[in-house]
Amino acid sequence: MRTKMSVGLLMGGLVLGLLVAPTAAESRSPLPFFKGVERFAVFCGRPVDAAQRETLCTIARDVLADLTGTEIAVGTAGLSDEGAITVLVNGFPTDGPNGPVLAINIDLLRKGQADSQLFGAPPILVPVDGLRSAREAVASGLRAQFEERVVAPWRRAVPSAQTGSTGKRG
């Protein structure tokens, strides 16, 4: 009798634990990082060349604004805003097989939060002069990265973002 009761309690505890424990997918989900996000900002720290940095940030801002349906701030103001994610966009000049290239990557920053992804999308590689001569290629690469790492998880985490706009601008 005592054994049956112990086994019953153990099984009941196991079932309860499975019901309240997060699934493996939930525990790896980026959704908590995006909960409550109402605004986005873009910050470009690299490339060091000011004209290239400005062009890259302009392309990134325009692509993210198009995908989210919101105005996108440029700069560091989003870093102190708990309702904002700052998308850090950097371009690193390096030697490529056909001449110098710019390796463009993104990272996500949010006050008081850590991005749960260990690895992001591969960098976008464009010729160094590609910011001027191949703007659509740069925009296309950023669009794919922003959709996967920023916009899709944001829309899953913030129900009002399903329509592409949270109603707040900034």
C-alpha atoms as a PDB file:
ATOM      1  CA  MET A   1       0.000   0.000   0.000  1.00  0.00           C
ATOM      2  CA  ARG A   2       2.767   2.393   0.982  1.00  0.00           C
ATOM      3  CA  THR A   3       4.704   1.583  -2.207  1.00  0.00           C
ATOM      4  CA  LYS A   4       1.649   2.191  -4.401  1.00  0.00           C
ATOM      5  CA  MET A   5       1.074   5.557  -2.693  1.00  0.00           C
ATOM      6  CA  SER A   6       4.746   6.560  -3.103  1.00  0.00           C
ATOM      7  CA  VAL A   7       4.717   5.591  -6.768  1.00  0.00           C
ATOM      8  CA  GLY A   8       1.449   7.490  -7.240  1.00  0.00           C
ATOM      9  CA  LEU A   9       2.882  10.617  -5.603  1.00  0.00           C
ATOM     10  CA  LEU A  10       6.057  10.330  -7.642  1.00  0.00           C
ATOM     11  CA  MET A  11       4.111   9.941 -10.899  1.00  0.00           C
ATOM     12  CA  GLY A  12       1.786  12.822  -9.993  1.00  0.00           C
ATOM     13  CA  GLY A  13       4.787  15.038  -9.237  1.00  0.00           C
ATOM     14  CA  LEU A  14       6.413  14.068 -12.512  1.00  0.00           C
ATOM     15  CA  VAL A  15       3.288  14.866 -14.522  1.00  0.00           C
ATOM     16  CA  LEU A  16       2.891  18.208 -12.712  1.00  0.00           C
ATOM     17  CA  GLY A  17       6.554  19.013 -13.362  1.00  0.00           C
ATOM     18  CA  LEU A  18       6.152  18.297 -17.062  1.00  0.00           C
ATOM     19  CA  LEU A  19       3.056  20.471 -17.264  1.00  0.00           C
ATOM     20  CA  VAL A  20       4.635  23.548 -15.676  1.00  0.00           C
ATOM     21  CA  ALA A  21       8.207  23.191 -16.951  1.00  0.00           C
ATOM     22  CA  PRO A  22       9.009  25.126 -20.116  1.00  0.00           C
ATOM     23  CA  THR A  23       9.485  23.023 -23.198  1.00  0.00           C
ATOM     24  CA  ALA A  24      12.961  22.813 -24.719  1.00  0.00           C
ATOM     25  CA  ALA A  25      11.850  25.157 -27.505  1.00  0.00           C
ATOM     26  CA  GLU A  26      10.496  27.705 -25.027  1.00  0.00           C
ATOM     27  CA  SER A  27      13.667  27.670 -22.951  1.00  0.00           C
ATOM     28  CA  ARG A  28      15.703  28.541 -26.066  1.00  0.00           C
ATOM     29  CA  SER A  29      13.159  31.010 -27.401  1.00  0.00           C
ATOM     30  CA  PRO A  30      14.214  34.604 -28.049  1.00  0.00           C
ATOM     31  CA  LEU A  31      10.676  35.752 -27.202  1.00  0.00           C
ATOM     32  CA  PRO A  32      11.429  36.954 -23.635  1.00  0.00           C
ATOM     33  CA  PHE A  33      14.080  39.253 -25.107  1.00  0.00           C
ATOM     34  CA  PHE A  34      11.428  40.886 -27.319  1.00  0.00           C
ATOM     35  CA  LYS A  35       8.516  41.126 -24.834  1.00  0.00           C
ATOM     36  CA  GLY A  36       7.400  44.722 -24.388  1.00  0.00           C
ATOM     37  CA  VAL A  37       9.487  46.100 -27.252  1.00  0.00           C
ATOM     38  CA  GLU A  38       7.791  49.140 -28.738  1.00  0.00           C
ATOM     39  CA  ARG A  39      10.667  50.883 -30.472  1.00  0.00           C
ATOM     40  CA  PHE A  40      13.823  50.151 -32.417  1.00  0.00           C
ATOM     41  CA  ALA A  41      17.053  52.033 -32.938  1.00  0.00           C
ATOM     42  CA  VAL A  42      20.005  51.390 -35.215  1.00  0.00           C
ATOM     43  CA  PHE A  43      23.550  52.106 -34.169  1.00  0.00           C
ATOM     44  CA  CYS A  44      26.547  51.714 -36.476  1.00  0.00           C
ATOM     45  CA  GLY A  45      29.958  51.739 -34.815  1.00  0.00           C
ATOM     46  CA  ARG A  46      31.937  50.501 -37.776  1.00  0.00           C
ATOM     47  CA  PRO A  47      33.238  50.896 -40.427  1.00  0.00           C
ATOM     48  CA  VAL A  48      35.575  53.563 -39.192  1.00  0.00           C
ATOM     49  CA  ASP A  49      35.193  55.619 -42.388  1.00  0.00           C
ATOM     50  CA  ALA A  50      32.449  58.131 -41.517  1.00  0.00           C
ATOM     51  CA  ALA A  51      30.888  58.235 -45.002  1.00  0.00           C
ATOM     52  CA  GLN A  52      30.641  54.424 -45.181  1.00  0.00           C
ATOM     53  CA  ARG A  53      29.226  54.268 -41.627  1.00  0.00           C
ATOM     54  CA  GLU A  54      26.576  56.879 -42.432  1.00  0.00           C
ATOM     55  CA  THR A  55      25.574  55.105 -45.638  1.00  0.00           C
ATOM     56  CA  LEU A  56      25.379  51.713 -43.886  1.00  0.00           C
ATOM     57  CA  CYS A  57      23.269  53.175 -41.065  1.00  0.00           C
ATOM     58  CA  THR A  58      20.928  54.884 -43.529  1.00  0.00           C
ATOM     59  CA  ILE A  59      20.385  51.630 -45.429  1.00  0.00           C
ATOM     60  CA  ALA A  60      19.855  49.694 -42.166  1.00  0.00           C
ATOM     61  CA  ARG A  61      17.402  52.301 -40.806  1.00  0.00           C
ATOM     62  CA  ASP A  62      15.363  52.325 -44.008  1.00  0.00           C
ATOM     63  CA  VAL A  63      15.188  48.508 -44.233  1.00  0.00           C
ATOM     64  CA  LEU A  64      14.184  48.102 -40.569  1.00  0.00           C
ATOM     65  CA  ALA A  65      11.578  50.880 -40.858  1.00  0.00           C
ATOM     66  CA  ASP A  66      10.106  49.168 -43.907  1.00  0.00           C
ATOM     67  CA  LEU A  67       9.935  45.782 -42.146  1.00  0.00           C
ATOM     68  CA  THR A  68       8.503  47.053 -38.841  1.00  0.00           C
ATOM     69  CA  GLY A  69       6.269  49.846 -40.080  1.00  0.00           C
ATOM     70  CA  THR A  70       7.743  52.168 -37.454  1.00  0.00           C
ATOM     71  CA  GLU A  71      10.147  55.061 -37.405  1.00  0.00           C
ATOM     72  CA  ILE A  72      13.655  53.961 -36.458  1.00  0.00           C
ATOM     73  CA  ALA A  73      15.917  56.103 -34.323  1.00  0.00           C
ATOM     74  CA  VAL A  74      19.604  56.250 -35.183  1.00  0.00           C
ATOM     75  CA  GLY A  75      22.185  56.405 -32.411  1.00  0.00           C
ATOM     76  CA  THR A  76      22.576  55.241 -28.825  1.00  0.00           C
ATOM     77  CA  ALA A  77      19.352  56.569 -27.247  1.00  0.00           C
ATOM     78  CA  GLY A  78      17.740  53.115 -27.428  1.00  0.00           C
ATOM     79  CA  LEU A  79      20.420  51.663 -25.152  1.00  0.00           C
ATOM     80  CA  SER A  80      18.865  53.344 -22.095  1.00  0.00           C
ATOM     81  CA  ASP A  81      15.245  52.665 -23.127  1.00  0.00           C
ATOM     82  CA  GLU A  82      13.729  49.469 -21.673  1.00  0.00           C
ATOM     83  CA  GLY A  83      11.047  49.465 -24.392  1.00  0.00           C
ATOM     84  CA  ALA A  84      13.561  49.549 -27.245  1.00  0.00           C
ATOM     85  CA  ILE A  85      15.962  47.223 -28.993  1.00  0.00           C
ATOM     86  CA  THR A  86      19.058  48.695 -30.556  1.00  0.00           C
ATOM     87  CA  VAL A  87      20.232  46.859 -33.634  1.00  0.00           C
ATOM     88  CA  LEU A  88      24.002  47.191 -33.761  1.00  0.00           C
ATOM     89  CA  VAL A  89      25.168  47.103 -37.388  1.00  0.00           C
ATOM     90  CA  ASN A  90      28.884  46.900 -38.070  1.00  0.00           C
ATOM     91  CA  GLY A  91      30.914  46.627 -41.248  1.00  0.00           C
ATOM     92  CA  PHE A  92      34.435  45.252 -41.033  1.00  0.00           C
ATOM     93  CA  PRO A  93      36.747  45.864 -44.002  1.00  0.00           C
ATOM     94  CA  THR A  94      38.830  42.824 -44.919  1.00  0.00           C
ATOM     95  CA  ASP A  95      40.660  41.368 -47.883  1.00  0.00           C
ATOM     96  CA  GLY A  96      38.599  39.194 -50.195  1.00  0.00           C
ATOM     97  CA  PRO A  97      39.648  36.986 -53.090  1.00  0.00           C
ATOM     98  CA  ASN A  98      38.661  39.690 -55.603  1.00  0.00           C
ATOM     99  CA  GLY A  99      39.698  42.728 -53.580  1.00  0.00           C
ATOM    100  CA  PRO A 100      38.645  44.409 -50.361  1.00  0.00           C
ATOM    101  CA  VAL A 101      35.229  43.493 -48.943  1.00  0.00           C
ATOM    102  CA  LEU A 102      33.078  44.747 -46.125  1.00  0.00           C
ATOM    103  CA  ALA A 103      31.747  42.030 -43.783  1.00  0.00           C
ATOM    104  CA  ILE A 104      28.486  43.408 -42.340  1.00  0.00           C
ATOM    105  CA  ASN A 105      26.963  41.811 -39.252  1.00  0.00           C
ATOM    106  CA  ILE A 106      24.236  42.660 -36.749  1.00  0.00           C
ATOM    107  CA  ASP A 107      23.772  42.187 -33.023  1.00  0.00           C
ATOM    108  CA  LEU A 108      20.855  43.049 -30.748  1.00  0.00           C
ATOM    109  CA  LEU A 109      21.143  45.145 -27.599  1.00  0.00           C
ATOM    110  CA  ARG A 110      18.451  45.816 -24.987  1.00  0.00           C
ATOM    111  CA  LYS A 111      18.772  47.472 -21.606  1.00  0.00           C
ATOM    112  CA  GLY A 112      18.865  44.851 -18.867  1.00  0.00           C
ATOM    113  CA  GLN A 113      18.596  41.920 -21.290  1.00  0.00           C
ATOM    114  CA  ALA A 114      20.958  39.544 -23.021  1.00  0.00           C
ATOM    115  CA  ASP A 115      20.340  38.262 -26.538  1.00  0.00           C
ATOM    116  CA  SER A 116      19.866  34.519 -26.074  1.00  0.00           C
ATOM    117  CA  GLN A 117      21.278  33.588 -29.476  1.00  0.00           C
ATOM    118  CA  LEU A 118      24.814  32.291 -29.369  1.00  0.00           C
ATOM    119  CA  PHE A 119      25.311  32.613 -33.104  1.00  0.00           C
ATOM    120  CA  GLY A 120      23.648  34.987 -35.494  1.00  0.00           C
ATOM    121  CA  ALA A 121      23.275  34.991 -39.218  1.00  0.00           C
ATOM    122  CA  PRO A 122      26.449  34.881 -41.282  1.00  0.00           C
ATOM    123  CA  PRO A 123      27.843  38.276 -42.226  1.00  0.00           C
ATOM    124  CA  ILE A 124      26.878  39.962 -45.469  1.00  0.00           C
ATOM    125  CA  LEU A 125      29.902  40.346 -47.745  1.00  0.00           C
ATOM    126  CA  VAL A 126      29.960  43.217 -50.218  1.00  0.00           C
ATOM    127  CA  PRO A 127      32.770  44.980 -52.063  1.00  0.00           C
ATOM    128  CA  VAL A 128      34.014  47.918 -49.998  1.00  0.00           C
ATOM    129  CA  ASP A 129      32.509  50.309 -52.556  1.00  0.00           C
ATOM    130  CA  GLY A 130      29.272  48.249 -52.467  1.00  0.00           C
ATOM    131  CA  LEU A 131      27.651  50.660 -50.025  1.00  0.00           C
ATOM    132  CA  ARG A 132      27.553  53.125 -52.905  1.00  0.00           C
ATOM    133  CA  SER A 133      27.441  50.873 -55.953  1.00  0.00           C
ATOM    134  CA  ALA A 134      25.359  47.939 -54.691  1.00  0.00           C
ATOM    135  CA  ARG A 135      22.983  49.476 -52.151  1.00  0.00           C
ATOM    136  CA  GLU A 136      20.179  47.054 -53.038  1.00  0.00           C
ATOM    137  CA  ALA A 137      22.447  44.040 -52.406  1.00  0.00           C
ATOM    138  CA  VAL A 138      23.327  45.451 -48.985  1.00  0.00           C
ATOM    139  CA  ALA A 139      19.652  46.216 -48.282  1.00  0.00           C
ATOM    140  CA  SER A 140      18.620  42.712 -49.396  1.00  0.00           C
ATOM    141  CA  GLY A 141      21.155  41.067 -47.083  1.00  0.00           C
ATOM    142  CA  LEU A 142      20.127  43.259 -44.151  1.00  0.00           C
ATOM    143  CA  ARG A 143      16.443  42.629 -44.901  1.00  0.00           C
ATOM    144  CA  ALA A 144      16.984  38.863 -44.573  1.00  0.00           C
ATOM    145  CA  GLN A 145      18.937  39.210 -41.312  1.00  0.00           C
ATOM    146  CA  PHE A 146      16.480  41.714 -39.803  1.00  0.00           C
ATOM    147  CA  GLU A 147      13.489  39.546 -40.741  1.00  0.00           C
ATOM    148  CA  GLU A 148      15.003  36.447 -39.123  1.00  0.00           C
ATOM    149  CA  ARG A 149      16.648  37.928 -36.021  1.00  0.00           C
ATOM    150  CA  VAL A 150      14.549  41.005 -35.262  1.00  0.00           C
ATOM    151  CA  VAL A 151      11.143  41.286 -36.891  1.00  0.00           C
ATOM    152  CA  ALA A 152       9.847  37.687 -36.794  1.00  0.00           C
ATOM    153  CA  PRO A 153      10.632  37.145 -33.079  1.00  0.00           C
ATOM    154  CA  TRP A 154       9.285  40.624 -32.244  1.00  0.00           C
ATOM    155  CA  ARG A 155       5.985  39.883 -33.969  1.00  0.00           C
ATOM    156  CA  ARG A 156       5.666  36.588 -32.092  1.00  0.00           C
ATOM    157  CA  ALA A 157       6.433  38.254 -28.734  1.00  0.00           C
ATOM    158  CA  VAL A 158       4.381  41.432 -29.158  1.00  0.00           C
ATOM    159  CA  PRO A 159       0.841  40.695 -30.409  1.00  0.00           C
ATOM    160  CA  SER A 160       0.219  44.300 -31.484  1.00  0.00           C
ATOM    161  CA  ALA A 161       3.267  44.049 -33.779  1.00  0.00           C
ATOM    162  CA  GLN A 162       1.443  41.522 -35.992  1.00  0.00           C
ATOM    163  CA  THR A 163       0.176  44.369 -38.139  1.00  0.00           C
ATOM    164  CA  GLY A 164       3.663  45.853 -38.462  1.00  0.00           C
ATOM    165  CA  SER A 165       3.085  48.809 -36.139  1.00  0.00           C
ATOM    166  CA  THR A 166       2.737  49.163 -32.399  1.00  0.00           C
ATOM    167  CA  GLY A 167       1.088  52.550 -32.706  1.00  0.00           C
ATOM    168  CA  LYS A 168       4.048  54.265 -31.065  1.00  0.00           C
ATOM    169  CA  ARG A 169       6.773  56.005 -32.985  1.00  0.00           C
ATOM    170  CA  GLY A 170      10.302  56.768 -31.984  1.00  0.00           C
END
